[in-house]
């Protein structure tokens, strides 16, 4: 029981540390954006860069768009 609790606490501390690092990075990006552009808006990606469900290729053309190209 004690080992399980130690493992749980270690994992929770690791996850909290990771989140705090990410929040600090976001805060520094927002601060830099405010200084250089006057707006704190920064667009962040929705997931990780290694997310296989995200397709970063060129947009696919539909049948109607293909017929209208010159």
PDB file of N, CA and C in Angstrom:
ATOM      1  N   UNK A   1       0.826  -1.193   0.000  1.00  0.00           N
ATOM      2  CA  UNK A   1       0.000   0.000   0.000  1.00  0.00           C
ATOM      3  C   UNK A   1       0.871   1.258   0.000  1.00  0.00           C
ATOM      4  N   UNK A   2       1.914   1.285   0.782  1.00  0.00           N
ATOM      5  CA  UNK A   2       2.767   2.468   0.848  1.00  0.00           C
ATOM      6  C   UNK A   2       3.512   2.676  -0.471  1.00  0.00           C
ATOM      7  N   UNK A   3       3.951   1.581  -1.095  1.00  0.00           N
ATOM      8  CA  UNK A   3       4.661   1.692  -2.374  1.00  0.00           C
ATOM      9  C   UNK A   3       3.747   2.269  -3.445  1.00  0.00           C
ATOM     10  N   UNK A   4       2.500   1.825  -3.450  1.00  0.00           N
ATOM     11  CA  UNK A   4       1.534   2.332  -4.414  1.00  0.00           C
ATOM     12  C   UNK A   4       1.321   3.830  -4.223  1.00  0.00           C
ATOM     13  N   UNK A   5       1.237   4.268  -2.973  1.00  0.00           N
ATOM     14  CA  UNK A   5       1.041   5.676  -2.669  1.00  0.00           C
ATOM     15  C   UNK A   5       2.255   6.511  -3.084  1.00  0.00           C
ATOM     16  N   UNK A   6       3.457   5.984  -2.864  1.00  0.00           N
ATOM     17  CA  UNK A   6       4.677   6.683  -3.278  1.00  0.00           C
ATOM     18  C   UNK A   6       4.722   6.823  -4.799  1.00  0.00           C
ATOM     19  N   UNK A   7       4.369   5.758  -5.499  1.00  0.00           N
ATOM     20  CA  UNK A   7       4.363   5.781  -6.961  1.00  0.00           C
ATOM     21  C   UNK A   7       3.338   6.792  -7.473  1.00  0.00           C
ATOM     22  N   UNK A   8       2.173   6.800  -6.873  1.00  0.00           N
ATOM     23  CA  UNK A   8       1.121   7.732  -7.254  1.00  0.00           C
ATOM     24  C   UNK A   8       1.564   9.180  -7.029  1.00  0.00           C
ATOM     25  N   UNK A   9       2.175   9.453  -5.891  1.00  0.00           N
ATOM     26  CA  UNK A   9       2.638  10.805  -5.579  1.00  0.00           C
ATOM     27  C   UNK A   9       3.753  11.237  -6.535  1.00  0.00           C
ATOM     28  N   UNK A  10       4.663  10.320  -6.873  1.00  0.00           N
ATOM     29  CA  UNK A  10       5.757  10.636  -7.791  1.00  0.00           C
ATOM     30  C   UNK A  10       5.212  10.958  -9.180  1.00  0.00           C
ATOM     31  N   UNK A  11       4.250  10.168  -9.633  1.00  0.00           N
ATOM     32  CA  UNK A  11       3.657  10.397 -10.955  1.00  0.00           C
ATOM     33  C   UNK A  11       2.890  11.717 -10.986  1.00  0.00           C
ATOM     34  N   UNK A  12       2.153  12.012  -9.920  1.00  0.00           N
ATOM     35  CA  UNK A  12       1.404  13.264  -9.853  1.00  0.00           C
ATOM     36  C   UNK A  12       2.358  14.464  -9.858  1.00  0.00           C
ATOM     37  N   UNK A  13       3.449  14.367  -9.122  1.00  0.00           N
ATOM     38  CA  UNK A  13       4.430  15.449  -9.090  1.00  0.00           C
ATOM     39  C   UNK A  13       5.063  15.655 -10.461  1.00  0.00           C
ATOM     40  N   UNK A  14       5.339  14.568 -11.161  1.00  0.00           N
ATOM     41  CA  UNK A  14       5.919  14.660 -12.503  1.00  0.00           C
ATOM     42  C   UNK A  14       4.948  15.350 -13.461  1.00  0.00           C
ATOM     43  N   UNK A  15       3.683  14.971 -13.420  1.00  0.00           N
ATOM     44  CA  UNK A  15       2.688  15.571 -14.307  1.00  0.00           C
ATOM     45  C   UNK A  15       2.479  17.045 -13.987  1.00  0.00           C
ATOM     46  N   UNK A  16       2.461  17.402 -12.697  1.00  0.00           N
ATOM     47  CA  UNK A  16       2.302  18.803 -12.322  1.00  0.00           C
ATOM     48  C   UNK A  16       3.502  19.622 -12.782  1.00  0.00           C
ATOM     49  N   UNK A  17       4.690  19.060 -12.672  1.00  0.00           N
ATOM     50  CA  UNK A  17       5.887  19.752 -13.144  1.00  0.00           C
ATOM     51  C   UNK A  17       5.840  19.994 -14.640  1.00  0.00           C
ATOM     52  N   UNK A  18       5.398  18.999 -15.385  1.00  0.00           N
ATOM     53  CA  UNK A  18       5.282  19.149 -16.841  1.00  0.00           C
ATOM     54  C   UNK A  18       4.278  20.233 -17.205  1.00  0.00           C
ATOM     55  N   UNK A  19       3.151  20.251 -16.523  1.00  0.00           N
ATOM     56  CA  UNK A  19       2.136  21.266 -16.793  1.00  0.00           C
ATOM     57  C   UNK A  19       2.646  22.659 -16.442  1.00  0.00           C
ATOM     58  N   UNK A  20       3.344  22.784 -15.336  1.00  0.00           N
ATOM     59  CA  UNK A  20       3.882  24.094 -14.941  1.00  0.00           C
ATOM     60  C   UNK A  20       4.910  24.591 -15.950  1.00  0.00           C
ATOM     61  N   UNK A  21       5.740  23.688 -16.486  1.00  0.00           N
ATOM     62  CA  UNK A  21       6.710  24.084 -17.508  1.00  0.00           C
ATOM     63  C   UNK A  21       5.998  24.593 -18.756  1.00  0.00           C
ATOM     64  N   UNK A  22       4.936  23.890 -19.162  1.00  0.00           N
ATOM     65  CA  UNK A  22       4.187  24.304 -20.349  1.00  0.00           C
ATOM     66  C   UNK A  22       3.506  25.650 -20.111  1.00  0.00           C
ATOM     67  N   UNK A  23       2.941  25.835 -18.918  1.00  0.00           N
ATOM     68  CA  UNK A  23       2.292  27.106 -18.609  1.00  0.00           C
ATOM     69  C   UNK A  23       3.303  28.247 -18.593  1.00  0.00           C
ATOM     70  N   UNK A  24       4.508  27.998 -18.087  1.00  0.00           N
ATOM     71  CA  UNK A  24       5.549  29.023 -18.088  1.00  0.00           C
ATOM     72  C   UNK A  24       5.968  29.371 -19.513  1.00  0.00           C
ATOM     73  N   UNK A  25       6.075  28.366 -20.368  1.00  0.00           N
ATOM     74  CA  UNK A  25       6.428  28.620 -21.767  1.00  0.00           C
ATOM     75  C   UNK A  25       5.347  29.441 -22.455  1.00  0.00           C
ATOM     76  N   UNK A  26       4.077  29.101 -22.211  1.00  0.00           N
ATOM     77  CA  UNK A  26       2.986  29.867 -22.802  1.00  0.00           C
ATOM     78  C   UNK A  26       3.004  31.300 -22.291  1.00  0.00           C
ATOM     79  N   UNK A  27       3.249  31.466 -21.006  1.00  0.00           N
ATOM     80  CA  UNK A  27       3.297  32.805 -20.437  1.00  0.00           C
ATOM     81  C   UNK A  27       4.412  33.637 -21.043  1.00  0.00           C
ATOM     82  N   UNK A  28       5.558  33.020 -21.270  1.00  0.00           N
ATOM     83  CA  UNK A  28       6.667  33.773 -21.873  1.00  0.00           C
ATOM     84  C   UNK A  28       6.351  34.151 -23.320  1.00  0.00           C
ATOM     85  N   UNK A  29       5.658  33.272 -24.054  1.00  0.00           N
ATOM     86  CA  UNK A  29       5.255  33.603 -25.421  1.00  0.00           C
ATOM     87  C   UNK A  29       4.259  34.756 -25.430  1.00  0.00           C
ATOM     88  N   UNK A  30       3.316  34.729 -24.483  1.00  0.00           N
ATOM     89  CA  UNK A  30       2.318  35.789 -24.411  1.00  0.00           C
ATOM     90  C   UNK A  30       2.961  37.116 -24.009  1.00  0.00           C
ATOM     91  N   UNK A  31       3.919  37.082 -23.098  1.00  0.00           N
ATOM     92  CA  UNK A  31       4.627  38.295 -22.696  1.00  0.00           C
ATOM     93  C   UNK A  31       5.400  38.883 -23.871  1.00  0.00           C
ATOM     94  N   UNK A  32       6.087  38.023 -24.617  1.00  0.00           N
ATOM     95  CA  UNK A  32       6.833  38.503 -25.785  1.00  0.00           C
ATOM     96  C   UNK A  32       5.880  39.077 -26.834  1.00  0.00           C
ATOM     97  N   UNK A  33       4.750  38.416 -27.049  1.00  0.00           N
ATOM     98  CA  UNK A  33       3.785  38.923 -28.017  1.00  0.00           C
ATOM     99  C   UNK A  33       3.259  40.286 -27.586  1.00  0.00           C
ATOM    100  N   UNK A  34       3.006  40.463 -26.294  1.00  0.00           N
ATOM    101  CA  UNK A  34       2.524  41.740 -25.783  1.00  0.00           C
ATOM    102  C   UNK A  34       3.559  42.839 -25.992  1.00  0.00           C
ATOM    103  N   UNK A  35       4.812  42.527 -25.718  1.00  0.00           N
ATOM    104  CA  UNK A  35       5.874  43.518 -25.863  1.00  0.00           C
ATOM    105  C   UNK A  35       6.044  43.937 -27.313  1.00  0.00           C
ATOM    106  N   UNK A  36       6.026  42.980 -28.227  1.00  0.00           N
ATOM    107  CA  UNK A  36       6.340  43.284 -29.618  1.00  0.00           C
ATOM    108  C   UNK A  36       5.141  43.659 -30.476  1.00  0.00           C
ATOM    109  N   UNK A  37       3.930  43.202 -30.115  1.00  0.00           N
ATOM    110  CA  UNK A  37       2.768  43.495 -30.954  1.00  0.00           C
ATOM    111  C   UNK A  37       1.680  44.283 -30.239  1.00  0.00           C
ATOM    112  N   UNK A  38       1.737  44.361 -28.934  1.00  0.00           N
ATOM    113  CA  UNK A  38       0.707  45.062 -28.173  1.00  0.00           C
ATOM    114  C   UNK A  38      -0.493  44.196 -27.843  1.00  0.00           C
ATOM    115  N   UNK A  39      -0.483  42.946 -28.259  1.00  0.00           N
ATOM    116  CA  UNK A  39      -1.570  42.015 -27.969  1.00  0.00           C
ATOM    117  C   UNK A  39      -0.971  40.722 -27.419  1.00  0.00           C
ATOM    118  N   UNK A  40      -1.598  40.176 -26.375  1.00  0.00           N
ATOM    119  CA  UNK A  40      -1.075  38.957 -25.762  1.00  0.00           C
ATOM    120  C   UNK A  40      -1.569  37.690 -26.455  1.00  0.00           C
ATOM    121  N   UNK A  41      -2.310  37.838 -27.559  1.00  0.00           N
ATOM    122  CA  UNK A  41      -2.855  36.668 -28.241  1.00  0.00           C
ATOM    123  C   UNK A  41      -1.745  35.882 -28.931  1.00  0.00           C
ATOM    124  N   UNK A  42      -1.693  34.596 -28.629  1.00  0.00           N
ATOM    125  CA  UNK A  42      -0.757  33.677 -29.282  1.00  0.00           C
ATOM    126  C   UNK A  42      -1.547  32.434 -29.644  1.00  0.00           C
ATOM    127  N   UNK A  43      -1.470  32.007 -30.906  1.00  0.00           N
ATOM    128  CA  UNK A  43      -2.198  30.816 -31.323  1.00  0.00           C
ATOM    129  C   UNK A  43      -1.348  29.581 -31.030  1.00  0.00           C
ATOM    130  N   UNK A  44      -1.879  28.691 -30.224  1.00  0.00           N
ATOM    131  CA  UNK A  44      -1.179  27.466 -29.856  1.00  0.00           C
ATOM    132  C   UNK A  44      -1.770  26.287 -30.618  1.00  0.00           C
ATOM    133  N   UNK A  45      -0.961  25.275 -30.924  1.00  0.00           N
ATOM    134  CA  UNK A  45      -1.509  24.085 -31.590  1.00  0.00           C
ATOM    135  C   UNK A  45      -2.438  23.332 -30.649  1.00  0.00           C
ATOM    136  N   UNK A  46      -3.360  22.588 -31.211  1.00  0.00           N
ATOM    137  CA  UNK A  46      -4.321  21.852 -30.385  1.00  0.00           C
ATOM    138  C   UNK A  46      -3.713  20.657 -29.675  1.00  0.00           C
ATOM    139  N   UNK A  47      -2.779  19.979 -30.309  1.00  0.00           N
ATOM    140  CA  UNK A  47      -2.168  18.795 -29.714  1.00  0.00           C
ATOM    141  C   UNK A  47      -0.673  18.842 -29.883  1.00  0.00           C
ATOM    142  N   UNK A  48      -0.062  17.692 -29.686  1.00  0.00           N
ATOM    143  CA  UNK A  48       1.387  17.641 -29.850  1.00  0.00           C
ATOM    144  C   UNK A  48       1.741  17.653 -31.333  1.00  0.00           C
ATOM    145  N   UNK A  49       2.986  17.935 -31.632  1.00  0.00           N
ATOM    146  CA  UNK A  49       3.443  17.975 -33.020  1.00  0.00           C
ATOM    147  C   UNK A  49       3.492  16.585 -33.633  1.00  0.00           C
ATOM    148  N   UNK A  50       3.501  15.560 -32.817  1.00  0.00           N
ATOM    149  CA  UNK A  50       3.602  14.186 -33.303  1.00  0.00           C
ATOM    150  C   UNK A  50       2.242  13.519 -33.413  1.00  0.00           C
ATOM    151  N   UNK A  51       1.169  14.294 -33.376  1.00  0.00           N
ATOM    152  CA  UNK A  51      -0.173  13.738 -33.424  1.00  0.00           C
ATOM    153  C   UNK A  51      -0.465  13.225 -34.838  1.00  0.00           C
ATOM    154  N   UNK A  52      -0.628  11.907 -35.021  1.00  0.00           N
ATOM    155  CA  UNK A  52      -0.840  11.365 -36.366  1.00  0.00           C
ATOM    156  C   UNK A  52      -2.202  11.717 -36.942  1.00  0.00           C
ATOM    157  N   UNK A  53      -3.157  12.159 -36.120  1.00  0.00           N
ATOM    158  CA  UNK A  53      -4.488  12.481 -36.633  1.00  0.00           C
ATOM    159  C   UNK A  53      -4.525  13.848 -37.310  1.00  0.00           C
ATOM    160  N   UNK A  54      -3.462  14.634 -37.161  1.00  0.00           N
ATOM    161  CA  UNK A  54      -3.413  15.959 -37.777  1.00  0.00           C
ATOM    162  C   UNK A  54      -2.667  15.860 -39.096  1.00  0.00           C
ATOM    163  N   UNK A  55      -3.326  16.291 -40.165  1.00  0.00           N
ATOM    164  CA  UNK A  55      -2.722  16.269 -41.493  1.00  0.00           C
ATOM    165  C   UNK A  55      -2.247  17.680 -41.825  1.00  0.00           C
ATOM    166  N   UNK A  56      -0.933  17.849 -41.983  1.00  0.00           N
ATOM    167  CA  UNK A  56      -0.379  19.156 -42.267  1.00  0.00           C
ATOM    168  C   UNK A  56      -0.106  19.354 -43.752  1.00  0.00           C
ATOM    169  N   UNK A  57      -0.636  18.496 -44.572  1.00  0.00           N
ATOM    170  CA  UNK A  57      -0.423  18.596 -46.008  1.00  0.00           C
ATOM    171  C   UNK A  57      -1.290  19.686 -46.611  1.00  0.00           C
ATOM    172  N   UNK A  58      -1.150  19.902 -47.922  1.00  0.00           N
ATOM    173  CA  UNK A  58      -1.967  20.925 -48.579  1.00  0.00           C
ATOM    174  C   UNK A  58      -3.436  20.520 -48.558  1.00  0.00           C
ATOM    175  N   UNK A  59      -4.329  21.499 -48.558  1.00  0.00           N
ATOM    176  CA  UNK A  59      -5.763  21.158 -48.531  1.00  0.00           C
ATOM    177  C   UNK A  59      -6.165  20.414 -49.791  1.00  0.00           C
ATOM    178  N   UNK A  60      -7.055  19.474 -49.631  1.00  0.00           N
ATOM    179  CA  UNK A  60      -7.526  18.686 -50.759  1.00  0.00           C
ATOM    180  C   UNK A  60      -8.605  19.465 -51.500  1.00  0.00           C
ATOM    181  N   UNK A  61      -8.586  19.395 -52.817  1.00  0.00           N
ATOM    182  CA  UNK A  61      -9.582  20.079 -53.628  1.00  0.00           C
ATOM    183  C   UNK A  61     -10.785  19.172 -53.833  1.00  0.00           C
ATOM    184  N   UNK A  62     -11.954  19.775 -53.816  1.00  0.00           N
ATOM    185  CA  UNK A  62     -13.156  19.007 -54.099  1.00  0.00           C
ATOM    186  C   UNK A  62     -13.380  18.984 -55.603  1.00  0.00           C
ATOM    187  N   UNK A  63     -14.321  18.211 -56.039  1.00  0.00           N
ATOM    188  CA  UNK A  63     -14.607  18.074 -57.473  1.00  0.00           C
ATOM    189  C   UNK A  63     -15.000  19.427 -58.070  1.00  0.00           C
ATOM    190  N   UNK A  64     -15.805  20.229 -57.346  1.00  0.00           N
ATOM    191  CA  UNK A  64     -16.244  21.520 -57.887  1.00  0.00           C
ATOM    192  C   UNK A  64     -15.091  22.501 -58.010  1.00  0.00           C
ATOM    193  N   UNK A  65     -14.154  22.496 -57.070  1.00  0.00           N
ATOM    194  CA  UNK A  65     -13.024  23.421 -57.118  1.00  0.00           C
ATOM    195  C   UNK A  65     -12.086  23.064 -58.260  1.00  0.00           C
ATOM    196  N   UNK A  66     -11.945  21.805 -58.588  1.00  0.00           N
ATOM    197  CA  UNK A  66     -11.029  21.392 -59.640  1.00  0.00           C
ATOM    198  C   UNK A  66     -11.504  21.905 -61.005  1.00  0.00           C
ATOM    199  N   UNK A  67     -12.796  21.959 -61.217  1.00  0.00           N
ATOM    200  CA  UNK A  67     -13.325  22.415 -62.502  1.00  0.00           C
ATOM    201  C   UNK A  67     -13.213  23.900 -62.713  1.00  0.00           C
ATOM    202  N   UNK A  68     -13.063  24.678 -61.646  1.00  0.00           N
ATOM    203  CA  UNK A  68     -13.021  26.133 -61.759  1.00  0.00           C
ATOM    204  C   UNK A  68     -11.619  26.699 -61.844  1.00  0.00           C
ATOM    205  N   UNK A  69     -10.584  25.903 -61.712  1.00  0.00           N
ATOM    206  CA  UNK A  69      -9.221  26.419 -61.734  1.00  0.00           C
ATOM    207  C   UNK A  69      -8.831  26.866 -63.131  1.00  0.00           C
ATOM    208  N   UNK A  70      -7.982  27.879 -63.191  1.00  0.00           N
ATOM    209  CA  UNK A  70      -7.528  28.361 -64.483  1.00  0.00           C
ATOM    210  C   UNK A  70      -6.054  28.108 -64.638  1.00  0.00           C
TER     211      UNK A  70
END
